């Protein structure tokens, strides 16, 4: 792990081949710590998964710049339209003049075509975006865990699922990647602050993600996780349906 800003504690760590977790820990008054992650995929056409909060943009830009020139970014992707996913989208458009937003078709229609300074590349369910060595497959996951426009991506060569707000873990001192249990801590966090929509199609969508057999789960909050992702996603489905 490399600290890229000593004041904020922002850091980077390679969690899979060519995939870097950019992590910024924060203190939440009265509630302990939390963290925000973005994932940078280094390739011929680099991709950043989640633009991040607008006010955190200088920290994330600084971290990206330790890995590659910021202006080389080609795609800035968001799972759904929310501050920590899309807040700094236009800042990235300005910093990387050849970059375009990437999102699902619903997000493009209801938000990003209006919000973004450049037209988005809207991916259909199951569509693959090639970056060079890496290939990103888009999954529509409406209301999983929340938002009608929600979607997730898997990098197929490394079997890394960019799983957004699934498996959110509290705390600000989580290791960059772990093989320990994250389902228990993430479910404990969910029960305190239920941010899931509880869509009746959750099991179907989680099974579809599980069938892609991810071996790394790139979580947006907390540690990334390595192991049998299919089994863990099915265990999450069981917990949600209990």
C-alpha atoms as a PDB file:
ATOM      1  CA  UNK A   1       0.000   0.000   0.000  1.00  0.00           C
ATOM      2  CA  UNK A   2       1.287   3.455  -0.954  1.00  0.00           C
ATOM      3  CA  UNK A   3       0.132   6.590   0.878  1.00  0.00           C
ATOM      4  CA  UNK A   4      -0.444   9.340  -1.689  1.00  0.00           C
ATOM      5  CA  UNK A   5      -1.552  12.086   0.712  1.00  0.00           C
ATOM      6  CA  UNK A   6      -0.230  12.059   4.254  1.00  0.00           C
ATOM      7  CA  UNK A   7      -2.840  14.511   5.537  1.00  0.00           C
ATOM      8  CA  UNK A   8      -5.936  12.635   4.329  1.00  0.00           C
ATOM      9  CA  UNK A   9      -4.410   9.152   4.381  1.00  0.00           C
ATOM     10  CA  UNK A  10      -5.469   8.552   0.771  1.00  0.00           C
ATOM     11  CA  UNK A  11      -3.672   5.461  -0.501  1.00  0.00           C
ATOM     12  CA  UNK A  12      -3.410   3.101  -3.465  1.00  0.00           C
ATOM     13  CA  UNK A  13      -3.021  -0.668  -3.625  1.00  0.00           C
ATOM     14  CA  UNK A  14      -3.066  -3.105  -6.552  1.00  0.00           C
ATOM     15  CA  UNK A  15      -5.852  -5.609  -5.765  1.00  0.00           C
ATOM     16  CA  UNK A  16      -5.682  -7.533  -9.075  1.00  0.00           C
ATOM     17  CA  UNK A  17      -3.463  -7.391 -12.140  1.00  0.00           C
ATOM     18  CA  UNK A  18      -3.601  -3.792 -13.359  1.00  0.00           C
ATOM     19  CA  UNK A  19      -6.483  -2.865 -11.012  1.00  0.00           C
ATOM     20  CA  UNK A  20      -5.751  -0.346  -8.266  1.00  0.00           C
ATOM     21  CA  UNK A  21      -7.894   0.501  -5.257  1.00  0.00           C
ATOM     22  CA  UNK A  22      -7.784   4.208  -4.379  1.00  0.00           C
ATOM     23  CA  UNK A  23      -8.918   4.589  -0.785  1.00  0.00           C
ATOM     24  CA  UNK A  24      -9.662   7.668   1.295  1.00  0.00           C
ATOM     25  CA  UNK A  25     -10.515   7.100   4.975  1.00  0.00           C
ATOM     26  CA  UNK A  26     -12.800   9.579   6.718  1.00  0.00           C
ATOM     27  CA  UNK A  27     -13.990  10.235  10.259  1.00  0.00           C
ATOM     28  CA  UNK A  28     -17.742  10.388  10.831  1.00  0.00           C
ATOM     29  CA  UNK A  29     -18.624  12.391  13.976  1.00  0.00           C
ATOM     30  CA  UNK A  30     -20.365  10.102  16.435  1.00  0.00           C
ATOM     31  CA  UNK A  31     -20.170   7.085  14.155  1.00  0.00           C
ATOM     32  CA  UNK A  32     -16.491   6.160  13.931  1.00  0.00           C
ATOM     33  CA  UNK A  33     -14.817   5.827  10.545  1.00  0.00           C
ATOM     34  CA  UNK A  34     -15.746   5.141   6.949  1.00  0.00           C
ATOM     35  CA  UNK A  35     -13.941   4.992   3.620  1.00  0.00           C
ATOM     36  CA  UNK A  36     -14.470   5.761  -0.044  1.00  0.00           C
ATOM     37  CA  UNK A  37     -12.860   3.704  -2.801  1.00  0.00           C
ATOM     38  CA  UNK A  38     -12.397   4.166  -6.515  1.00  0.00           C
ATOM     39  CA  UNK A  39     -10.823   1.571  -8.794  1.00  0.00           C
ATOM     40  CA  UNK A  40      -8.402   2.452 -11.583  1.00  0.00           C
ATOM     41  CA  UNK A  41      -7.849  -0.077 -14.364  1.00  0.00           C
ATOM     42  CA  UNK A  42      -4.577   0.566 -16.172  1.00  0.00           C
ATOM     43  CA  UNK A  43      -4.667  -0.386 -19.843  1.00  0.00           C
ATOM     44  CA  UNK A  44      -4.492   1.067 -23.339  1.00  0.00           C
ATOM     45  CA  UNK A  45      -7.703   2.934 -22.504  1.00  0.00           C
ATOM     46  CA  UNK A  46      -7.646   3.401 -18.719  1.00  0.00           C
ATOM     47  CA  UNK A  47     -10.900   3.327 -16.775  1.00  0.00           C
ATOM     48  CA  UNK A  48     -11.807   4.773 -13.387  1.00  0.00           C
ATOM     49  CA  UNK A  49     -14.753   3.118 -11.651  1.00  0.00           C
ATOM     50  CA  UNK A  50     -16.620   5.831  -9.748  1.00  0.00           C
ATOM     51  CA  UNK A  51     -15.859   9.526 -10.137  1.00  0.00           C
ATOM     52  CA  UNK A  52     -16.010  10.026  -6.373  1.00  0.00           C
ATOM     53  CA  UNK A  53     -17.213  12.940  -4.321  1.00  0.00           C
ATOM     54  CA  UNK A  54     -16.595  16.365  -5.848  1.00  0.00           C
ATOM     55  CA  UNK A  55     -14.822  17.616  -2.723  1.00  0.00           C
ATOM     56  CA  UNK A  56     -12.514  14.577  -2.758  1.00  0.00           C
ATOM     57  CA  UNK A  57     -11.507  15.101  -6.381  1.00  0.00           C
ATOM     58  CA  UNK A  58      -8.080  16.669  -5.599  1.00  0.00           C
ATOM     59  CA  UNK A  59      -7.167  13.669  -3.423  1.00  0.00           C
ATOM     60  CA  UNK A  60      -8.269  11.078  -5.972  1.00  0.00           C
ATOM     61  CA  UNK A  61      -6.632  12.947  -8.840  1.00  0.00           C
ATOM     62  CA  UNK A  62      -3.394  13.070  -6.857  1.00  0.00           C
ATOM     63  CA  UNK A  63      -3.595   9.307  -6.302  1.00  0.00           C
ATOM     64  CA  UNK A  64      -4.349   8.547  -9.965  1.00  0.00           C
ATOM     65  CA  UNK A  65      -1.367  10.678 -10.986  1.00  0.00           C
ATOM     66  CA  UNK A  66       0.985   8.373  -9.047  1.00  0.00           C
ATOM     67  CA  UNK A  67      -0.085   5.524 -11.349  1.00  0.00           C
ATOM     68  CA  UNK A  68      -0.583   7.178 -14.744  1.00  0.00           C
ATOM     69  CA  UNK A  69      -0.942  10.670 -16.247  1.00  0.00           C
ATOM     70  CA  UNK A  70      -4.447  11.845 -15.414  1.00  0.00           C
ATOM     71  CA  UNK A  71      -5.009  13.152 -18.939  1.00  0.00           C
ATOM     72  CA  UNK A  72      -4.707   9.591 -20.275  1.00  0.00           C
ATOM     73  CA  UNK A  73      -7.951   8.494 -18.604  1.00  0.00           C
ATOM     74  CA  UNK A  74     -10.388   7.305 -21.271  1.00  0.00           C
ATOM     75  CA  UNK A  75     -13.445   6.248 -19.268  1.00  0.00           C
ATOM     76  CA  UNK A  76     -14.981   7.428 -15.987  1.00  0.00           C
ATOM     77  CA  UNK A  77     -17.639   4.975 -14.906  1.00  0.00           C
ATOM     78  CA  UNK A  78     -20.418   5.171 -12.348  1.00  0.00           C
ATOM     79  CA  UNK A  79     -22.607   2.491 -10.826  1.00  0.00           C
ATOM     80  CA  UNK A  80     -25.522   4.874 -10.216  1.00  0.00           C
ATOM     81  CA  UNK A  81     -26.146   8.584  -9.837  1.00  0.00           C
ATOM     82  CA  UNK A  82     -25.166   9.560  -6.308  1.00  0.00           C
ATOM     83  CA  UNK A  83     -22.588  11.955  -4.909  1.00  0.00           C
ATOM     84  CA  UNK A  84     -19.836   9.445  -4.182  1.00  0.00           C
ATOM     85  CA  UNK A  85     -20.322   7.744  -7.542  1.00  0.00           C
ATOM     86  CA  UNK A  86     -20.770  10.760  -9.810  1.00  0.00           C
ATOM     87  CA  UNK A  87     -20.035  13.952  -7.857  1.00  0.00           C
ATOM     88  CA  UNK A  88     -16.676  14.706  -9.507  1.00  0.00           C
ATOM     89  CA  UNK A  89     -17.661  13.551 -12.990  1.00  0.00           C
ATOM     90  CA  UNK A  90     -17.228  16.924 -14.671  1.00  0.00           C
ATOM     91  CA  UNK A  91     -13.960  17.571 -12.849  1.00  0.00           C
ATOM     92  CA  UNK A  92     -12.624  14.399 -14.480  1.00  0.00           C
ATOM     93  CA  UNK A  93     -13.977  15.488 -17.854  1.00  0.00           C
ATOM     94  CA  UNK A  94     -11.932  18.679 -17.519  1.00  0.00           C
ATOM     95  CA  UNK A  95      -8.786  16.944 -16.240  1.00  0.00           C
ATOM     96  CA  UNK A  96      -8.836  14.201 -18.886  1.00  0.00           C
ATOM     97  CA  UNK A  97      -9.947  15.876 -22.141  1.00  0.00           C
ATOM     98  CA  UNK A  98     -10.352  12.613 -24.066  1.00  0.00           C
ATOM     99  CA  UNK A  99     -12.400  10.883 -21.380  1.00  0.00           C
ATOM    100  CA  UNK A 100     -16.100  10.084 -21.551  1.00  0.00           C
ATOM    101  CA  UNK A 101     -18.587   9.024 -18.872  1.00  0.00           C
ATOM    102  CA  UNK A 102     -19.686   5.386 -18.928  1.00  0.00           C
ATOM    103  CA  UNK A 103     -22.933   4.234 -17.345  1.00  0.00           C
ATOM    104  CA  UNK A 104     -26.015   2.139 -17.981  1.00  0.00           C
ATOM    105  CA  UNK A 105     -28.713   3.209 -20.399  1.00  0.00           C
ATOM    106  CA  UNK A 106     -31.118   4.218 -17.627  1.00  0.00           C
ATOM    107  CA  UNK A 107     -28.528   6.438 -15.914  1.00  0.00           C
ATOM    108  CA  UNK A 108     -27.730   8.072 -19.244  1.00  0.00           C
ATOM    109  CA  UNK A 109     -31.396   8.756 -19.943  1.00  0.00           C
ATOM    110  CA  UNK A 110     -32.444  10.104 -16.557  1.00  0.00           C
ATOM    111  CA  UNK A 111     -29.317  11.900 -15.357  1.00  0.00           C
ATOM    112  CA  UNK A 112     -25.944  11.755 -17.085  1.00  0.00           C
ATOM    113  CA  UNK A 113     -26.931  13.119 -20.498  1.00  0.00           C
ATOM    114  CA  UNK A 114     -28.009  16.254 -18.625  1.00  0.00           C
ATOM    115  CA  UNK A 115     -25.385  16.369 -15.844  1.00  0.00           C
ATOM    116  CA  UNK A 116     -22.196  15.531 -17.714  1.00  0.00           C
ATOM    117  CA  UNK A 117     -20.212  18.005 -19.779  1.00  0.00           C
ATOM    118  CA  UNK A 118     -19.745  15.329 -22.472  1.00  0.00           C
ATOM    119  CA  UNK A 119     -22.252  12.759 -23.746  1.00  0.00           C
ATOM    120  CA  UNK A 120     -21.953   9.396 -21.970  1.00  0.00           C
ATOM    121  CA  UNK A 121     -21.270   6.029 -23.468  1.00  0.00           C
ATOM    122  CA  UNK A 122     -24.353   4.133 -22.339  1.00  0.00           C
ATOM    123  CA  UNK A 123     -23.868   0.372 -22.003  1.00  0.00           C
ATOM    124  CA  UNK A 124     -26.634  -2.153 -22.503  1.00  0.00           C
ATOM    125  CA  UNK A 125     -27.068  -5.046 -20.080  1.00  0.00           C
ATOM    126  CA  UNK A 126     -24.367  -7.608 -20.876  1.00  0.00           C
ATOM    127  CA  UNK A 127     -22.394  -5.279 -23.169  1.00  0.00           C
ATOM    128  CA  UNK A 128     -18.589  -5.563 -23.052  1.00  0.00           C
ATOM    129  CA  UNK A 129     -16.263  -2.561 -23.099  1.00  0.00           C
ATOM    130  CA  UNK A 130     -12.720  -3.423 -24.193  1.00  0.00           C
ATOM    131  CA  UNK A 131      -9.821  -1.500 -22.682  1.00  0.00           C
ATOM    132  CA  UNK A 132      -6.962  -3.445 -24.274  1.00  0.00           C
ATOM    133  CA  UNK A 133      -5.965  -6.424 -22.127  1.00  0.00           C
ATOM    134  CA  UNK A 134      -8.964  -5.955 -19.842  1.00  0.00           C
ATOM    135  CA  UNK A 135     -12.622  -6.408 -20.768  1.00  0.00           C
ATOM    136  CA  UNK A 136     -15.439  -4.862 -18.744  1.00  0.00           C
ATOM    137  CA  UNK A 137     -18.901  -6.436 -18.832  1.00  0.00           C
ATOM    138  CA  UNK A 138     -21.852  -4.345 -17.661  1.00  0.00           C
ATOM    139  CA  UNK A 139     -24.702  -5.807 -15.582  1.00  0.00           C
ATOM    140  CA  UNK A 140     -27.952  -3.904 -15.087  1.00  0.00           C
ATOM    141  CA  UNK A 141     -28.841  -4.275 -11.373  1.00  0.00           C
ATOM    142  CA  UNK A 142     -31.796  -1.928 -10.817  1.00  0.00           C
ATOM    143  CA  UNK A 143     -32.368  -1.262  -7.092  1.00  0.00           C
ATOM    144  CA  UNK A 144     -29.500  -3.593  -6.119  1.00  0.00           C
ATOM    145  CA  UNK A 145     -28.591  -2.301  -3.700  1.00  0.00           C
ATOM    146  CA  UNK A 146     -30.420   0.949  -4.545  1.00  0.00           C
ATOM    147  CA  UNK A 147     -31.323   3.317  -7.391  1.00  0.00           C
ATOM    148  CA  UNK A 148     -33.264   2.484 -10.540  1.00  0.00           C
ATOM    149  CA  UNK A 149     -30.211   3.248 -12.681  1.00  0.00           C
ATOM    150  CA  UNK A 150     -27.831   0.962 -10.770  1.00  0.00           C
ATOM    151  CA  UNK A 151     -25.406  -1.323 -12.577  1.00  0.00           C
ATOM    152  CA  UNK A 152     -22.142  -3.159 -11.878  1.00  0.00           C
ATOM    153  CA  UNK A 153     -19.154  -4.291 -13.943  1.00  0.00           C
ATOM    154  CA  UNK A 154     -16.899  -7.321 -13.976  1.00  0.00           C
ATOM    155  CA  UNK A 155     -13.403  -7.306 -15.409  1.00  0.00           C
ATOM    156  CA  UNK A 156     -13.386 -10.645 -17.145  1.00  0.00           C
ATOM    157  CA  UNK A 157      -9.656 -11.417 -17.396  1.00  0.00           C
ATOM    158  CA  UNK A 158      -9.004 -11.037 -13.655  1.00  0.00           C
ATOM    159  CA  UNK A 159     -12.557 -12.011 -12.568  1.00  0.00           C
ATOM    160  CA  UNK A 160     -12.811  -8.783 -10.573  1.00  0.00           C
ATOM    161  CA  UNK A 161     -16.362  -7.673  -9.787  1.00  0.00           C
ATOM    162  CA  UNK A 162     -16.612  -3.913  -9.320  1.00  0.00           C
ATOM    163  CA  UNK A 163     -19.475  -4.340  -6.900  1.00  0.00           C
ATOM    164  CA  UNK A 164     -20.260  -0.771  -5.861  1.00  0.00           C
ATOM    165  CA  UNK A 165     -22.234  -0.557  -2.630  1.00  0.00           C
ATOM    166  CA  UNK A 166     -22.599  -4.311  -2.195  1.00  0.00           C
ATOM    167  CA  UNK A 167     -20.689  -5.544   0.884  1.00  0.00           C
ATOM    168  CA  UNK A 168     -20.244  -2.025   2.313  1.00  0.00           C
ATOM    169  CA  UNK A 169     -18.084  -2.197   5.440  1.00  0.00           C
ATOM    170  CA  UNK A 170     -17.786   0.513   8.038  1.00  0.00           C
ATOM    171  CA  UNK A 171     -14.502   1.645   9.528  1.00  0.00           C
ATOM    172  CA  UNK A 172     -11.567   3.601   8.175  1.00  0.00           C
ATOM    173  CA  UNK A 173      -8.685   1.214   8.870  1.00  0.00           C
ATOM    174  CA  UNK A 174      -9.695  -1.821   6.813  1.00  0.00           C
ATOM    175  CA  UNK A 175      -6.868  -3.583   4.959  1.00  0.00           C
ATOM    176  CA  UNK A 176      -6.760  -2.926   1.211  1.00  0.00           C
ATOM    177  CA  UNK A 177      -7.714  -6.525   0.419  1.00  0.00           C
ATOM    178  CA  UNK A 178      -8.728  -9.396   2.647  1.00  0.00           C
ATOM    179  CA  UNK A 179      -9.751 -13.041   2.569  1.00  0.00           C
ATOM    180  CA  UNK A 180     -11.536 -12.710   5.915  1.00  0.00           C
ATOM    181  CA  UNK A 181     -15.302 -12.488   6.315  1.00  0.00           C
ATOM    182  CA  UNK A 182     -16.856  -9.315   4.904  1.00  0.00           C
ATOM    183  CA  UNK A 183     -20.430 -10.576   4.773  1.00  0.00           C
ATOM    184  CA  UNK A 184     -20.895 -10.416   8.542  1.00  0.00           C
ATOM    185  CA  UNK A 185     -19.520  -6.873   8.931  1.00  0.00           C
ATOM    186  CA  UNK A 186     -21.365  -5.607   5.855  1.00  0.00           C
ATOM    187  CA  UNK A 187     -24.676  -7.099   6.987  1.00  0.00           C
ATOM    188  CA  UNK A 188     -24.186  -5.622  10.463  1.00  0.00           C
ATOM    189  CA  UNK A 189     -23.646  -2.241   8.807  1.00  0.00           C
ATOM    190  CA  UNK A 190     -26.751  -2.712   6.633  1.00  0.00           C
ATOM    191  CA  UNK A 191     -28.934  -3.560   9.596  1.00  0.00           C
ATOM    192  CA  UNK A 192     -27.920  -0.322  11.317  1.00  0.00           C
ATOM    193  CA  UNK A 193     -28.561   1.806   8.233  1.00  0.00           C
ATOM    194  CA  UNK A 194     -30.586  -0.121   5.680  1.00  0.00           C
ATOM    195  CA  UNK A 195     -29.554   1.270   2.322  1.00  0.00           C
ATOM    196  CA  UNK A 196     -30.866  -1.702   0.293  1.00  0.00           C
ATOM    197  CA  UNK A 197     -34.112  -1.344  -1.675  1.00  0.00           C
ATOM    198  CA  UNK A 198     -35.051  -4.986  -0.950  1.00  0.00           C
ATOM    199  CA  UNK A 199     -36.145  -5.499  -4.551  1.00  0.00           C
ATOM    200  CA  UNK A 200     -37.899  -8.829  -5.070  1.00  0.00           C
ATOM    201  CA  UNK A 201     -35.455  -9.542  -7.890  1.00  0.00           C
ATOM    202  CA  UNK A 202     -32.372  -9.306  -5.662  1.00  0.00           C
ATOM    203  CA  UNK A 203     -31.767 -13.081  -5.613  1.00  0.00           C
ATOM    204  CA  UNK A 204     -32.058 -13.356  -9.392  1.00  0.00           C
ATOM    205  CA  UNK A 205     -29.582 -10.538  -9.952  1.00  0.00           C
ATOM    206  CA  UNK A 206     -27.162 -11.814  -7.310  1.00  0.00           C
ATOM    207  CA  UNK A 207     -27.279 -15.280  -8.843  1.00  0.00           C
ATOM    208  CA  UNK A 208     -26.423 -13.792 -12.216  1.00  0.00           C
ATOM    209  CA  UNK A 209     -23.435 -12.008 -10.695  1.00  0.00           C
ATOM    210  CA  UNK A 210     -22.422 -15.178  -8.861  1.00  0.00           C
ATOM    211  CA  UNK A 211     -22.549 -17.146 -12.112  1.00  0.00           C
ATOM    212  CA  UNK A 212     -19.790 -14.907 -13.473  1.00  0.00           C
ATOM    213  CA  UNK A 213     -17.519 -16.554 -10.835  1.00  0.00           C
ATOM    214  CA  UNK A 214     -15.675 -13.480  -9.537  1.00  0.00           C
ATOM    215  CA  UNK A 215     -12.569 -14.094  -7.442  1.00  0.00           C
ATOM    216  CA  UNK A 216     -12.048 -10.491  -6.346  1.00  0.00           C
ATOM    217  CA  UNK A 217     -14.825  -8.235  -5.078  1.00  0.00           C
ATOM    218  CA  UNK A 218     -13.849  -4.582  -5.463  1.00  0.00           C
ATOM    219  CA  UNK A 219     -16.029  -2.959  -2.805  1.00  0.00           C
ATOM    220  CA  UNK A 220     -16.633   0.776  -2.792  1.00  0.00           C
ATOM    221  CA  UNK A 221     -16.509   1.072   0.999  1.00  0.00           C
ATOM    222  CA  UNK A 222     -14.086  -0.999   3.071  1.00  0.00           C
ATOM    223  CA  UNK A 223     -11.729  -3.745   1.979  1.00  0.00           C
ATOM    224  CA  UNK A 224     -11.661  -5.443  -1.376  1.00  0.00           C
ATOM    225  CA  UNK A 225     -12.062  -9.194  -0.961  1.00  0.00           C
ATOM    226  CA  UNK A 226     -10.430 -12.238  -2.549  1.00  0.00           C
ATOM    227  CA  UNK A 227     -11.967 -15.710  -2.659  1.00  0.00           C
ATOM    228  CA  UNK A 228     -14.972 -17.582  -4.031  1.00  0.00           C
ATOM    229  CA  UNK A 229     -17.123 -14.605  -4.943  1.00  0.00           C
ATOM    230  CA  UNK A 230     -19.957 -16.724  -6.268  1.00  0.00           C
ATOM    231  CA  UNK A 231     -20.446 -18.398  -2.914  1.00  0.00           C
ATOM    232  CA  UNK A 232     -20.300 -15.065  -1.077  1.00  0.00           C
ATOM    233  CA  UNK A 233     -22.854 -13.442  -3.409  1.00  0.00           C
ATOM    234  CA  UNK A 234     -25.237 -16.370  -2.892  1.00  0.00           C
ATOM    235  CA  UNK A 235     -24.759 -16.052   0.873  1.00  0.00           C
ATOM    236  CA  UNK A 236     -25.703 -12.378   0.594  1.00  0.00           C
ATOM    237  CA  UNK A 237     -28.849 -13.365  -1.290  1.00  0.00           C
ATOM    238  CA  UNK A 238     -29.759 -15.799   1.502  1.00  0.00           C
ATOM    239  CA  UNK A 239     -29.219 -13.083   4.117  1.00  0.00           C
ATOM    240  CA  UNK A 240     -31.337 -10.557   2.234  1.00  0.00           C
ATOM    241  CA  UNK A 241     -34.182 -13.034   1.828  1.00  0.00           C
ATOM    242  CA  UNK A 242     -34.117 -14.190   5.458  1.00  0.00           C
END
